[in-house]
Amino acid sequence: MNKTTPVAVWSYLVVATLLEWTLAKNFLSLTTIYTNIVIAVLAASQILSVAMVFLRLKYEPRGIVGLAAASLFFAVLAVVLALGSIGH
């Protein structure tokens, strides 16, 4: 990893966070599903960029990366199921 990679990732995180904040402030409501999807995709890309660069998953064997992806999947599944049960 060269010296500019962490700065580039940090810059991306700042820009993506500001974009999320702008979308949430100006365009977010419960009926705008597309805005919610864009915010979710931005959040997922931020998680992946931090995991790949700062946790050095980019340089790990495929088994470790698969284990990290599976645990992330189950964490998201748990949150979705928990949020889905609130209305019942």
N, C-alpha and C. Protein backbone atom coordinates (compact mmCIF):
# COMPACT_ATOMS: atom_id res chain seq x y z
N MET A 1 0.85 -1.18 0.00
CA MET A 1 0.00 0.00 0.00
C MET A 1 0.90 1.23 0.00
N ASN A 2 0.64 2.11 -0.94
CA ASN A 2 1.45 3.32 -0.99
C ASN A 2 0.89 4.38 -0.04
N LYS A 3 1.55 5.52 0.04
CA LYS A 3 1.17 6.54 1.02
C LYS A 3 -0.09 7.29 0.66
N THR A 4 -0.49 7.27 -0.60
CA THR A 4 -1.68 8.02 -1.00
C THR A 4 -2.98 7.23 -0.83
N THR A 5 -2.90 5.93 -0.66
CA THR A 5 -4.11 5.12 -0.54
C THR A 5 -4.96 5.48 0.67
N PRO A 6 -4.39 5.59 1.89
CA PRO A 6 -5.24 5.97 3.03
C PRO A 6 -5.85 7.35 2.87
N VAL A 7 -5.13 8.27 2.28
CA VAL A 7 -5.66 9.62 2.08
C VAL A 7 -6.80 9.59 1.06
N ALA A 8 -6.66 8.79 0.02
CA ALA A 8 -7.71 8.68 -0.99
C ALA A 8 -8.96 8.04 -0.40
N VAL A 9 -8.78 7.00 0.41
CA VAL A 9 -9.93 6.34 1.04
C VAL A 9 -10.59 7.29 2.02
N TRP A 10 -9.81 7.99 2.82
CA TRP A 10 -10.38 8.95 3.76
C TRP A 10 -11.15 10.05 3.02
N SER A 11 -10.60 10.53 1.92
CA SER A 11 -11.29 11.56 1.13
C SER A 11 -12.61 11.03 0.58
N TYR A 12 -12.59 9.78 0.10
CA TYR A 12 -13.83 9.17 -0.38
C TYR A 12 -14.86 9.06 0.74
N LEU A 13 -14.42 8.68 1.92
CA LEU A 13 -15.34 8.55 3.05
C LEU A 13 -15.97 9.89 3.41
N VAL A 14 -15.19 10.95 3.37
CA VAL A 14 -15.71 12.28 3.67
C VAL A 14 -16.73 12.71 2.62
N VAL A 15 -16.40 12.52 1.35
CA VAL A 15 -17.31 12.93 0.27
C VAL A 15 -18.59 12.09 0.31
N ALA A 16 -18.47 10.80 0.52
CA ALA A 16 -19.65 9.93 0.56
C ALA A 16 -20.53 10.27 1.76
N THR A 17 -19.93 10.58 2.89
CA THR A 17 -20.71 10.95 4.08
C THR A 17 -21.44 12.26 3.85
N LEU A 18 -20.78 13.23 3.24
CA LEU A 18 -21.46 14.49 2.94
C LEU A 18 -22.59 14.29 1.94
N LEU A 19 -22.40 13.41 0.96
CA LEU A 19 -23.45 13.11 0.00
C LEU A 19 -24.63 12.43 0.69
N GLU A 20 -24.35 11.49 1.59
CA GLU A 20 -25.42 10.84 2.35
C GLU A 20 -26.19 11.85 3.18
N TRP A 21 -25.47 12.74 3.84
CA TRP A 21 -26.12 13.76 4.66
C TRP A 21 -27.00 14.67 3.81
N THR A 22 -26.51 15.07 2.65
CA THR A 22 -27.29 15.91 1.75
C THR A 22 -28.54 15.20 1.27
N LEU A 23 -28.40 13.94 0.89
CA LEU A 23 -29.57 13.17 0.45
C LEU A 23 -30.58 13.01 1.58
N ALA A 24 -30.10 12.72 2.77
CA ALA A 24 -31.00 12.51 3.90
C ALA A 24 -31.70 13.81 4.29
N LYS A 25 -31.00 14.91 4.20
CA LYS A 25 -31.58 16.19 4.61
C LYS A 25 -32.60 16.71 3.61
N ASN A 26 -32.30 16.55 2.32
CA ASN A 26 -33.13 17.18 1.31
C ASN A 26 -34.14 16.27 0.64
N PHE A 27 -33.82 15.00 0.48
CA PHE A 27 -34.66 14.14 -0.35
C PHE A 27 -35.26 12.94 0.38
N LEU A 28 -34.96 12.78 1.64
CA LEU A 28 -35.37 11.55 2.32
C LEU A 28 -36.78 11.66 2.88
N SER A 29 -37.58 10.69 2.55
CA SER A 29 -38.87 10.48 3.19
C SER A 29 -39.16 8.99 3.07
N LEU A 30 -40.18 8.54 3.72
CA LEU A 30 -40.47 7.12 3.72
C LEU A 30 -40.96 6.62 2.36
N THR A 31 -41.40 7.53 1.50
CA THR A 31 -41.92 7.11 0.20
C THR A 31 -40.86 7.10 -0.90
N THR A 32 -39.72 7.70 -0.66
CA THR A 32 -38.68 7.74 -1.69
C THR A 32 -37.73 6.57 -1.50
N ILE A 33 -38.06 5.47 -2.09
CA ILE A 33 -37.27 4.25 -1.94
C ILE A 33 -35.92 4.37 -2.65
N TYR A 34 -35.86 5.12 -3.73
CA TYR A 34 -34.61 5.24 -4.47
C TYR A 34 -33.55 5.99 -3.67
N THR A 35 -33.94 6.99 -2.94
CA THR A 35 -33.00 7.70 -2.08
C THR A 35 -32.47 6.79 -0.99
N ASN A 36 -33.36 5.99 -0.42
CA ASN A 36 -32.92 5.04 0.61
C ASN A 36 -31.95 4.02 0.05
N ILE A 37 -32.18 3.57 -1.17
CA ILE A 37 -31.28 2.60 -1.79
C ILE A 37 -29.92 3.23 -2.06
N VAL A 38 -29.90 4.45 -2.53
CA VAL A 38 -28.63 5.14 -2.80
C VAL A 38 -27.84 5.32 -1.51
N ILE A 39 -28.52 5.70 -0.44
CA ILE A 39 -27.83 5.88 0.84
C ILE A 39 -27.29 4.54 1.34
N ALA A 40 -28.05 3.47 1.18
CA ALA A 40 -27.60 2.15 1.61
C ALA A 40 -26.39 1.68 0.79
N VAL A 41 -26.39 1.94 -0.50
CA VAL A 41 -25.26 1.56 -1.35
C VAL A 41 -24.01 2.37 -0.98
N LEU A 42 -24.19 3.65 -0.71
CA LEU A 42 -23.05 4.46 -0.27
C LEU A 42 -22.48 3.96 1.05
N ALA A 43 -23.35 3.61 1.98
CA ALA A 43 -22.89 3.10 3.27
C ALA A 43 -22.16 1.77 3.10
N ALA A 44 -22.68 0.90 2.24
CA ALA A 44 -22.01 -0.38 2.00
C ALA A 44 -20.65 -0.19 1.35
N SER A 45 -20.56 0.77 0.43
CA SER A 45 -19.27 1.01 -0.22
C SER A 45 -18.26 1.59 0.77
N GLN A 46 -18.73 2.38 1.73
CA GLN A 46 -17.83 2.89 2.76
C GLN A 46 -17.32 1.76 3.65
N ILE A 47 -18.20 0.85 4.02
CA ILE A 47 -17.80 -0.28 4.85
C ILE A 47 -16.76 -1.13 4.11
N LEU A 48 -17.02 -1.39 2.85
CA LEU A 48 -16.08 -2.22 2.08
C LEU A 48 -14.73 -1.54 1.88
N SER A 49 -14.74 -0.23 1.66
CA SER A 49 -13.46 0.45 1.45
C SER A 49 -12.63 0.46 2.73
N VAL A 50 -13.27 0.65 3.88
CA VAL A 50 -12.53 0.60 5.14
C VAL A 50 -12.02 -0.81 5.40
N ALA A 51 -12.85 -1.81 5.17
CA ALA A 51 -12.44 -3.20 5.41
C ALA A 51 -11.30 -3.61 4.48
N MET A 52 -11.36 -3.23 3.24
CA MET A 52 -10.36 -3.66 2.28
C MET A 52 -9.01 -2.97 2.50
N VAL A 53 -9.03 -1.70 2.88
CA VAL A 53 -7.77 -0.97 2.98
C VAL A 53 -7.23 -0.95 4.41
N PHE A 54 -8.04 -0.48 5.36
CA PHE A 54 -7.51 -0.30 6.70
C PHE A 54 -7.44 -1.60 7.49
N LEU A 55 -8.30 -2.56 7.22
CA LEU A 55 -8.21 -3.86 7.87
C LEU A 55 -7.35 -4.83 7.07
N ARG A 56 -6.84 -4.36 5.95
CA ARG A 56 -5.92 -5.11 5.09
C ARG A 56 -6.51 -6.43 4.58
N LEU A 57 -7.81 -6.47 4.36
CA LEU A 57 -8.43 -7.66 3.78
C LEU A 57 -8.05 -7.82 2.32
N LYS A 58 -7.59 -6.76 1.72
CA LYS A 58 -7.17 -6.80 0.33
C LYS A 58 -6.00 -7.76 0.12
N TYR A 59 -5.18 -7.93 1.15
CA TYR A 59 -3.98 -8.74 1.02
C TYR A 59 -4.11 -10.12 1.69
N GLU A 60 -5.27 -10.44 2.21
CA GLU A 60 -5.48 -11.71 2.90
C GLU A 60 -5.89 -12.80 1.91
N PRO A 61 -5.76 -14.06 2.32
CA PRO A 61 -6.22 -15.16 1.46
C PRO A 61 -7.74 -15.12 1.28
N ARG A 62 -8.23 -15.77 0.25
CA ARG A 62 -9.65 -15.73 -0.07
C ARG A 62 -10.53 -16.28 1.05
N GLY A 63 -10.05 -17.25 1.78
CA GLY A 63 -10.85 -17.83 2.87
C GLY A 63 -11.17 -16.82 3.96
N ILE A 64 -10.20 -15.99 4.29
CA ILE A 64 -10.41 -14.96 5.32
C ILE A 64 -11.40 -13.91 4.81
N VAL A 65 -11.26 -13.53 3.56
CA VAL A 65 -12.18 -12.55 2.98
C VAL A 65 -13.59 -13.13 2.91
N GLY A 66 -13.71 -14.41 2.56
CA GLY A 66 -15.03 -15.06 2.54
C GLY A 66 -15.65 -15.11 3.91
N LEU A 67 -14.85 -15.37 4.93
CA LEU A 67 -15.34 -15.39 6.30
C LEU A 67 -15.82 -14.01 6.73
N ALA A 68 -15.09 -12.98 6.35
CA ALA A 68 -15.50 -11.61 6.67
C ALA A 68 -16.79 -11.25 5.94
N ALA A 69 -16.92 -11.65 4.69
CA ALA A 69 -18.13 -11.37 3.92
C ALA A 69 -19.33 -12.11 4.50
N ALA A 70 -19.14 -13.35 4.93
CA ALA A 70 -20.23 -14.12 5.52
C ALA A 70 -20.68 -13.50 6.84
N SER A 71 -19.74 -13.07 7.65
CA SER A 71 -20.12 -12.46 8.92
C SER A 71 -20.82 -11.12 8.70
N LEU A 72 -20.40 -10.38 7.70
CA LEU A 72 -21.09 -9.13 7.37
C LEU A 72 -22.51 -9.41 6.89
N PHE A 73 -22.68 -10.46 6.08
CA PHE A 73 -24.01 -10.83 5.60
C PHE A 73 -24.93 -11.17 6.77
N PHE A 74 -24.44 -11.97 7.71
CA PHE A 74 -25.27 -12.35 8.84
C PHE A 74 -25.55 -11.18 9.78
N ALA A 75 -24.63 -10.26 9.88
CA ALA A 75 -24.87 -9.07 10.70
C ALA A 75 -25.97 -8.21 10.08
N VAL A 76 -25.91 -8.02 8.77
CA VAL A 76 -26.96 -7.25 8.09
C VAL A 76 -28.30 -7.97 8.18
N LEU A 77 -28.29 -9.28 8.03
CA LEU A 77 -29.51 -10.06 8.14
C LEU A 77 -30.13 -9.91 9.53
N ALA A 78 -29.32 -9.94 10.57
CA ALA A 78 -29.82 -9.79 11.93
C ALA A 78 -30.46 -8.41 12.13
N VAL A 79 -29.83 -7.38 11.60
CA VAL A 79 -30.38 -6.03 11.74
C VAL A 79 -31.69 -5.90 10.98
N VAL A 80 -31.74 -6.43 9.77
CA VAL A 80 -32.97 -6.36 8.96
C VAL A 80 -34.11 -7.12 9.65
N LEU A 81 -33.82 -8.28 10.17
CA LEU A 81 -34.87 -9.04 10.85
C LEU A 81 -35.31 -8.35 12.14
N ALA A 82 -34.38 -7.75 12.85
CA ALA A 82 -34.75 -7.03 14.07
C ALA A 82 -35.61 -5.81 13.75
N LEU A 83 -35.25 -5.08 12.71
CA LEU A 83 -36.03 -3.91 12.33
C LEU A 83 -37.39 -4.32 11.77
N GLY A 84 -37.44 -5.46 11.10
CA GLY A 84 -38.71 -5.95 10.56
C GLY A 84 -39.68 -6.38 11.64
N SER A 85 -39.18 -6.79 12.79
CA SER A 85 -40.05 -7.24 13.86
C SER A 85 -40.56 -6.10 14.73
N ILE A 86 -40.10 -4.90 14.51
CA ILE A 86 -40.56 -3.77 15.32
C ILE A 86 -42.03 -3.47 15.08
N GLY A 87 -42.46 -3.56 13.86
CA GLY A 87 -43.85 -3.23 13.53
C GLY A 87 -44.85 -4.27 13.96
N HIS A 88 -44.42 -5.44 14.37
CA HIS A 88 -45.36 -6.51 14.72
C HIS A 88 -45.64 -6.56 16.18
